[in-house]
Amino acid sequence: MRFGEDLPKDIRNRIKRRGPRVNSRVPVAIEWNGSGGPLHFEAAFTRVVNNYGCLLVSPKEIKERQQIRLTNLFTRQRASGVVVWKGTQRPDGWDLGIELVSADLDFWGLDL
């Protein structure tokens, strides 16, 4: 038996991640336009980050494919992103997968 053959098929077929992920709670401000509505601003934080995105915890539910703007409150850098996955609501907020579409590689202020 080759390595990995004993894993479930859905796990074997998953696309490999583009880079390392780091568990890190980074405070961010997020902003987005609702469907035809006003601009929304909220304080949020990350659970996991990498050079290409993050697992974000948002106090508000945001739809998949929604474009958002993030501001890293430590570095004051801004980046554009899109919600690519919406998880469940937990006591501290909604889990959202964010893909960064325009960000410097040092956006998180961490060595990744």
Protein backbone atom coordinates (compact mmCIF):
# COMPACT_ATOMS: atom_id res chain seq x y z
CA MET A 1 0.00 0.00 0.00
CA ARG A 2 1.33 3.43 -0.97
CA PHE A 3 1.36 6.36 1.42
CA GLY A 4 -2.05 8.07 1.58
CA GLU A 5 -4.06 5.24 0.04
CA ASP A 6 -5.71 4.58 3.39
CA LEU A 7 -7.03 8.18 3.55
CA PRO A 8 -10.64 8.92 2.53
CA LYS A 9 -11.00 9.68 -1.18
CA ASP A 10 -12.20 13.28 -0.62
CA ILE A 11 -9.03 14.04 1.35
CA ARG A 12 -6.75 12.39 -1.24
CA ASN A 13 -8.33 14.45 -4.02
CA ARG A 14 -8.18 17.85 -2.33
CA ILE A 15 -6.12 20.52 -4.03
CA LYS A 16 -2.87 21.16 -2.21
CA ARG A 17 -2.55 24.54 -0.50
CA ARG A 18 -0.36 27.20 -2.09
CA GLY A 19 1.66 27.93 1.01
CA PRO A 20 2.11 27.32 4.71
CA ARG A 21 -0.64 28.35 7.09
CA VAL A 22 -0.08 29.82 10.54
CA ASN A 23 -2.53 29.93 13.42
CA SER A 24 -2.57 33.61 14.22
CA ARG A 25 -5.12 35.98 15.71
CA VAL A 26 -4.67 39.21 13.78
CA PRO A 27 -7.14 42.03 14.43
CA VAL A 28 -8.54 43.44 11.19
CA ALA A 29 -11.15 45.92 10.08
CA ILE A 30 -13.36 44.73 7.24
CA GLU A 31 -15.54 46.70 4.88
CA TRP A 32 -17.92 45.64 2.13
CA ASN A 33 -20.96 46.78 0.21
CA GLY A 34 -24.08 44.77 0.87
CA SER A 35 -26.38 43.88 -2.02
CA GLY A 36 -27.19 47.38 -3.20
CA GLY A 37 -26.91 48.69 0.33
CA PRO A 38 -24.54 50.99 2.18
CA LEU A 39 -20.91 50.32 2.98
CA HIS A 40 -20.52 48.11 6.08
CA PHE A 41 -17.61 48.39 8.55
CA GLU A 42 -16.83 45.82 11.25
CA ALA A 43 -13.99 44.81 13.54
CA ALA A 44 -12.96 41.18 13.04
CA PHE A 45 -9.98 38.87 13.58
CA THR A 46 -8.27 35.92 11.94
CA ARG A 47 -7.82 32.36 13.17
CA VAL A 48 -5.40 31.23 10.43
CA VAL A 49 -3.38 33.22 7.88
CA ASN A 50 -1.17 32.58 4.86
CA ASN A 51 0.19 34.70 2.01
CA TYR A 52 -2.95 34.07 -0.05
CA GLY A 53 -5.75 34.53 2.46
CA CYS A 54 -7.10 33.75 5.89
CA LEU A 55 -9.78 32.15 8.00
CA LEU A 56 -11.62 35.23 9.22
CA VAL A 57 -14.05 35.52 12.12
CA SER A 58 -16.67 38.14 11.30
CA PRO A 59 -19.40 39.40 13.65
CA LYS A 60 -21.70 39.67 10.60
CA GLU A 61 -22.68 37.05 8.04
CA ILE A 62 -21.18 37.85 4.62
CA LYS A 63 -22.18 36.00 1.45
CA GLU A 64 -19.79 33.90 -0.61
CA ARG A 65 -18.20 35.74 -3.55
CA GLN A 66 -18.61 39.05 -1.72
CA GLN A 67 -15.67 41.36 -2.29
CA ILE A 68 -14.26 42.83 0.89
CA ARG A 69 -11.48 45.16 1.98
CA LEU A 70 -9.30 44.22 4.97
CA THR A 71 -7.12 46.50 7.06
CA ASN A 72 -4.53 44.80 9.25
CA LEU A 73 -4.79 46.79 12.49
CA PHE A 74 -1.17 45.95 13.45
CA THR A 75 0.54 46.97 10.21
CA ARG A 76 -2.15 49.39 8.94
CA GLN A 77 -1.82 47.79 5.49
CA ARG A 78 -4.92 47.30 3.36
CA ALA A 79 -5.80 44.49 0.96
CA SER A 80 -8.70 43.42 -1.21
CA GLY A 81 -10.18 39.98 -0.87
CA VAL A 82 -13.16 37.82 -1.67
CA VAL A 83 -15.18 35.44 0.50
CA VAL A 84 -14.57 31.97 -0.97
CA TRP A 85 -16.08 29.89 1.83
CA LYS A 86 -18.67 30.46 4.54
CA GLY A 87 -18.66 28.23 7.57
CA THR A 88 -20.96 28.16 10.53
CA GLN A 89 -21.74 30.81 13.08
CA ARG A 90 -19.94 30.30 16.38
CA PRO A 91 -20.32 32.30 19.59
CA ASP A 92 -17.54 34.67 18.48
CA GLY A 93 -18.76 35.12 14.88
CA TRP A 94 -18.99 33.63 11.40
CA ASP A 95 -16.06 31.62 10.04
CA LEU A 96 -15.22 32.89 6.55
CA GLY A 97 -12.54 31.77 4.12
CA ILE A 98 -10.98 34.84 2.47
CA GLU A 99 -8.78 34.79 -0.62
CA LEU A 100 -6.60 37.88 -0.90
CA VAL A 101 -6.65 39.27 -4.43
CA SER A 102 -4.29 42.19 -3.88
CA ALA A 103 -1.94 42.14 -0.93
CA ASP A 104 1.75 42.53 -0.26
CA LEU A 105 3.44 39.32 0.88
CA ASP A 106 4.13 40.97 4.25
CA PHE A 107 0.48 41.97 4.73
CA TRP A 108 0.13 39.92 7.94
CA GLY A 109 3.41 41.18 9.41
CA LEU A 110 4.56 37.57 9.91
CA ASP A 111 7.26 35.40 8.37
CA LEU A 112 5.28 32.85 6.39
